[in-house]
Amino acid sequence: MAKLRNYLPYLILLGMFGLLAWLVYLNPVLGVDTTVSGFIQGISLPGFDGFMGFISRLGNFPAWVISPVAAVIWLWCKGYRLQSVICGLVPAVTALIVGIYKWIIDRPRPYGLEGGGTSFPSGHTAYALACYGVIFFLIPRFIRDPLLRLVLRLVCLVPIFFMGISRIYLNAHWPSDVLASYLLAGAVLGIGLTYLRLRLAKGVNHA
């Protein structure tokens, strides 16, 4: 039970993701989706279109795998085997679950953009949090310089925060797709990092 309590917040996130998935399965278009989409797509700022397009492209394959793969290789070569495994597993497990739910829910994209495909959940958003999120939390362990640490963590936060907004702004996803992705990836990330913390506390550096 003591170990389960460590994972409880992230299991709750998974439960919330499951409830949202069920709601979307029953109601492919939610009223709140159209309202929030209209608000975000109404944003008019200089250079915003280009910035949103750039952020969204960071979630395309193979761009989204470059950072975690580089981190996995670097950590493994440095002897941080458990951190390397977690850094690879979090995005991989997230991608697997995203693929399964896209197939199950089979929700059309808004107005059939981006050549069709399914909308729930947003793969771009989930990958951004899973890939850059795990790196964000590992940076303090390996970067001693405070300024460099701050800069690198801010770089990680940019796609994490703006990816979901970009997918709605570009009309590629509904807001509920994005919310679901943050819940799912946040849960997987939290479980992975909690496992890492508990293992390292025991002095173990292998999966």
Protein backbone atom coordinates (compact mmCIF):
# COMPACT_ATOMS: atom_id res chain seq x y z
CA MET A 1 0.00 0.00 0.00
CA ALA A 2 2.87 2.36 0.78
CA LYS A 3 4.24 1.94 -2.73
CA LEU A 4 0.79 2.37 -4.27
CA ARG A 5 0.39 5.74 -2.53
CA ASN A 6 3.43 7.00 -4.44
CA TYR A 7 1.67 6.30 -7.73
CA LEU A 8 -1.85 7.31 -6.68
CA PRO A 9 -1.84 10.86 -8.18
CA TYR A 10 -0.84 9.47 -11.57
CA LEU A 11 -3.38 6.66 -11.41
CA ILE A 12 -6.00 9.35 -10.81
CA LEU A 13 -4.78 11.14 -13.95
CA LEU A 14 -5.16 7.89 -15.89
CA GLY A 15 -8.68 7.55 -14.54
CA MET A 16 -9.52 11.07 -15.65
CA PHE A 17 -8.10 10.28 -19.08
CA GLY A 18 -10.28 7.17 -19.26
CA LEU A 19 -13.42 9.12 -18.30
CA LEU A 20 -12.70 11.78 -20.90
CA ALA A 21 -12.10 9.10 -23.53
CA TRP A 22 -15.48 7.52 -22.70
CA LEU A 23 -17.21 10.92 -22.90
CA VAL A 24 -15.67 11.64 -26.29
CA TYR A 25 -16.55 8.16 -27.51
CA LEU A 26 -20.20 8.86 -26.69
CA ASN A 27 -20.14 12.47 -27.94
CA PRO A 28 -17.61 13.01 -30.77
CA VAL A 29 -18.15 16.79 -30.75
CA LEU A 30 -18.49 18.51 -27.37
CA GLY A 31 -19.94 21.98 -27.02
CA VAL A 32 -16.99 23.17 -24.99
CA ASP A 33 -14.66 22.05 -27.79
CA THR A 34 -16.14 24.44 -30.32
CA THR A 35 -16.17 27.31 -27.81
CA VAL A 36 -12.52 26.91 -26.77
CA SER A 37 -11.39 26.28 -30.36
CA GLY A 38 -13.09 29.48 -31.51
CA PHE A 39 -11.37 31.48 -28.78
CA ILE A 40 -7.87 30.12 -29.48
CA GLN A 41 -8.23 30.36 -33.25
CA GLY A 42 -9.31 33.97 -32.81
CA ILE A 43 -5.91 34.95 -31.38
CA SER A 44 -4.28 37.50 -33.68
CA LEU A 45 -0.68 38.39 -32.85
CA PRO A 46 2.28 39.28 -35.11
CA GLY A 47 4.19 36.14 -36.07
CA PHE A 48 1.79 33.86 -34.19
CA ASP A 49 0.90 31.79 -37.27
CA GLY A 50 4.55 31.02 -37.99
CA PHE A 51 5.33 30.26 -34.35
CA MET A 52 2.39 27.88 -34.03
CA GLY A 53 3.43 26.12 -37.24
CA PHE A 54 7.01 25.75 -36.00
CA ILE A 55 5.92 24.35 -32.63
CA SER A 56 3.56 21.89 -34.29
CA ARG A 57 6.31 20.58 -36.58
CA LEU A 58 8.35 19.66 -33.49
CA GLY A 59 5.74 16.97 -32.89
CA ASN A 60 6.15 15.41 -36.33
CA PHE A 61 8.12 12.21 -36.83
CA PRO A 62 11.11 12.01 -36.72
CA ALA A 63 11.58 15.39 -34.98
CA TRP A 64 9.90 14.30 -31.75
CA VAL A 65 12.18 11.28 -31.28
CA ILE A 66 15.50 13.12 -31.70
CA SER A 67 15.69 14.57 -28.18
CA PRO A 68 14.73 11.42 -26.24
CA VAL A 69 16.95 9.19 -28.40
CA ALA A 70 19.91 11.54 -27.89
CA ALA A 71 19.22 11.63 -24.15
CA VAL A 72 18.89 7.83 -23.95
CA ILE A 73 22.22 7.31 -25.73
CA TRP A 74 24.03 9.96 -23.66
CA LEU A 75 22.73 8.62 -20.33
CA TRP A 76 23.53 5.02 -21.24
CA CYS A 77 27.06 5.87 -22.32
CA LYS A 78 27.60 7.81 -19.10
CA GLY A 79 26.55 4.79 -17.06
CA TYR A 80 23.15 6.08 -15.94
CA ARG A 81 21.35 2.96 -17.10
CA LEU A 82 18.08 3.32 -15.19
CA GLN A 83 17.68 6.97 -16.19
CA SER A 84 18.36 5.97 -19.78
CA VAL A 85 15.69 3.27 -19.71
CA ILE A 86 13.09 5.59 -18.18
CA CYS A 87 13.94 8.32 -20.69
CA GLY A 88 13.18 5.88 -23.50
CA LEU A 89 10.21 4.08 -21.95
CA VAL A 90 8.12 7.14 -21.07
CA PRO A 91 7.78 8.35 -24.70
CA ALA A 92 7.48 4.78 -26.02
CA VAL A 93 4.68 3.79 -23.63
CA THR A 94 2.91 7.10 -24.26
CA ALA A 95 3.09 6.58 -28.03
CA LEU A 96 1.72 3.04 -27.68
CA ILE A 97 -1.28 4.14 -25.60
CA VAL A 98 -1.96 7.06 -27.94
CA GLY A 99 -2.03 4.67 -30.90
CA ILE A 100 -4.40 2.27 -29.13
CA TYR A 101 -6.87 5.00 -28.17
CA LYS A 102 -6.76 6.62 -31.60
CA TRP A 103 -7.90 3.27 -32.97
CA ILE A 104 -10.56 2.71 -30.29
CA ILE A 105 -12.12 6.19 -30.24
CA ASP A 106 -11.72 6.82 -33.98
CA ARG A 107 -12.67 10.48 -33.65
CA PRO A 108 -12.46 12.55 -36.85
CA ARG A 109 -10.24 15.61 -36.84
CA PRO A 110 -11.97 19.00 -36.90
CA TYR A 111 -13.24 19.51 -40.45
CA GLY A 112 -11.02 16.67 -41.71
CA LEU A 113 -7.76 18.62 -41.62
CA GLU A 114 -4.26 17.19 -42.14
CA GLY A 115 -5.34 14.49 -44.57
CA GLY A 116 -7.80 12.77 -42.27
CA GLY A 117 -6.64 10.47 -39.53
CA THR A 118 -8.05 10.23 -36.03
CA SER A 119 -8.10 13.02 -33.51
CA PHE A 120 -8.29 11.60 -29.98
CA PRO A 121 -5.89 11.97 -28.26
CA SER A 122 -3.40 14.45 -29.74
CA GLY A 123 -0.19 12.56 -30.46
CA HIS A 124 1.83 15.75 -30.89
CA THR A 125 0.80 17.03 -27.46
CA ALA A 126 1.37 13.72 -25.70
CA TYR A 127 4.79 13.28 -27.27
CA ALA A 128 5.83 16.83 -26.34
CA LEU A 129 5.08 16.27 -22.66
CA ALA A 130 6.49 12.73 -22.59
CA CYS A 131 9.72 13.55 -24.47
CA TYR A 132 10.58 17.00 -23.18
CA GLY A 133 9.00 16.41 -19.78
CA VAL A 134 11.28 13.54 -18.82
CA ILE A 135 14.31 15.55 -19.98
CA PHE A 136 13.05 18.59 -18.01
CA PHE A 137 13.02 16.62 -14.76
CA LEU A 138 16.37 14.91 -15.40
CA ILE A 139 18.30 18.09 -16.23
CA PRO A 140 18.95 19.16 -12.59
CA ARG A 141 20.66 15.81 -11.92
CA PHE A 142 23.29 16.32 -14.62
CA ILE A 143 23.63 20.07 -15.26
CA ARG A 144 25.44 21.89 -12.47
CA ASP A 145 25.60 25.38 -13.97
CA PRO A 146 22.45 27.23 -12.74
CA LEU A 147 22.12 29.44 -15.83
CA LEU A 148 22.54 26.59 -18.31
CA ARG A 149 20.13 24.48 -16.28
CA LEU A 150 17.53 27.27 -16.40
CA VAL A 151 17.96 27.82 -20.13
CA LEU A 152 17.66 24.11 -20.97
CA ARG A 153 14.56 23.69 -18.81
CA LEU A 154 12.92 26.73 -20.41
CA VAL A 155 13.67 25.26 -23.84
CA CYS A 156 11.87 22.06 -22.76
CA LEU A 157 8.87 24.01 -21.46
CA VAL A 158 8.24 25.80 -24.76
CA PRO A 159 6.98 22.74 -26.73
CA ILE A 160 5.33 21.27 -23.64
CA PHE A 161 3.21 24.38 -23.10
CA PHE A 162 2.62 25.56 -26.66
CA MET A 163 2.17 22.23 -28.48
CA GLY A 164 -1.40 21.78 -27.31
CA ILE A 165 -2.28 25.37 -28.17
CA SER A 166 -0.73 25.01 -31.62
CA ARG A 167 -2.77 21.90 -32.43
CA ILE A 168 -6.00 23.69 -31.56
CA TYR A 169 -4.95 26.92 -33.28
CA LEU A 170 -4.13 25.04 -36.49
CA ASN A 171 -7.51 23.28 -36.25
CA ALA A 172 -5.83 19.87 -36.21
CA HIS A 173 -7.36 18.82 -32.87
CA TRP A 174 -10.21 19.52 -30.52
CA PRO A 175 -9.35 20.96 -27.08
CA SER A 176 -10.53 17.72 -25.42
CA ASP A 177 -7.95 15.83 -27.53
CA VAL A 178 -5.25 18.08 -26.11
CA LEU A 179 -6.51 17.84 -22.52
CA ALA A 180 -6.61 14.06 -22.78
CA SER A 181 -3.02 14.02 -24.04
CA TYR A 182 -1.78 16.09 -21.11
CA LEU A 183 -3.58 13.76 -18.69
CA LEU A 184 -2.21 10.62 -20.33
CA ALA A 185 1.37 11.78 -20.83
CA GLY A 186 1.42 13.38 -17.37
CA ALA A 187 0.37 10.08 -15.84
CA VAL A 188 2.96 8.02 -17.73
CA LEU A 189 5.66 10.59 -16.98
CA GLY A 190 4.76 10.68 -13.29
CA ILE A 191 4.75 6.88 -12.99
CA GLY A 192 8.12 6.64 -14.74
CA LEU A 193 9.77 9.32 -12.64
CA THR A 194 8.32 7.91 -9.42
CA TYR A 195 9.67 4.47 -10.25
CA LEU A 196 13.05 6.06 -10.99
CA ARG A 197 13.06 7.94 -7.70
CA LEU A 198 12.15 4.87 -5.66
CA ARG A 199 14.78 2.70 -7.35
CA LEU A 200 17.51 5.30 -6.96
CA ALA A 201 16.59 5.69 -3.29
CA LYS A 202 17.51 2.02 -2.90
CA GLY A 203 20.81 2.57 -4.68
CA VAL A 204 19.75 0.70 -7.81
CA ASN A 205 20.87 1.98 -11.20
CA HIS A 206 19.37 -0.65 -13.47
CA ALA A 207 15.78 -1.43 -14.48
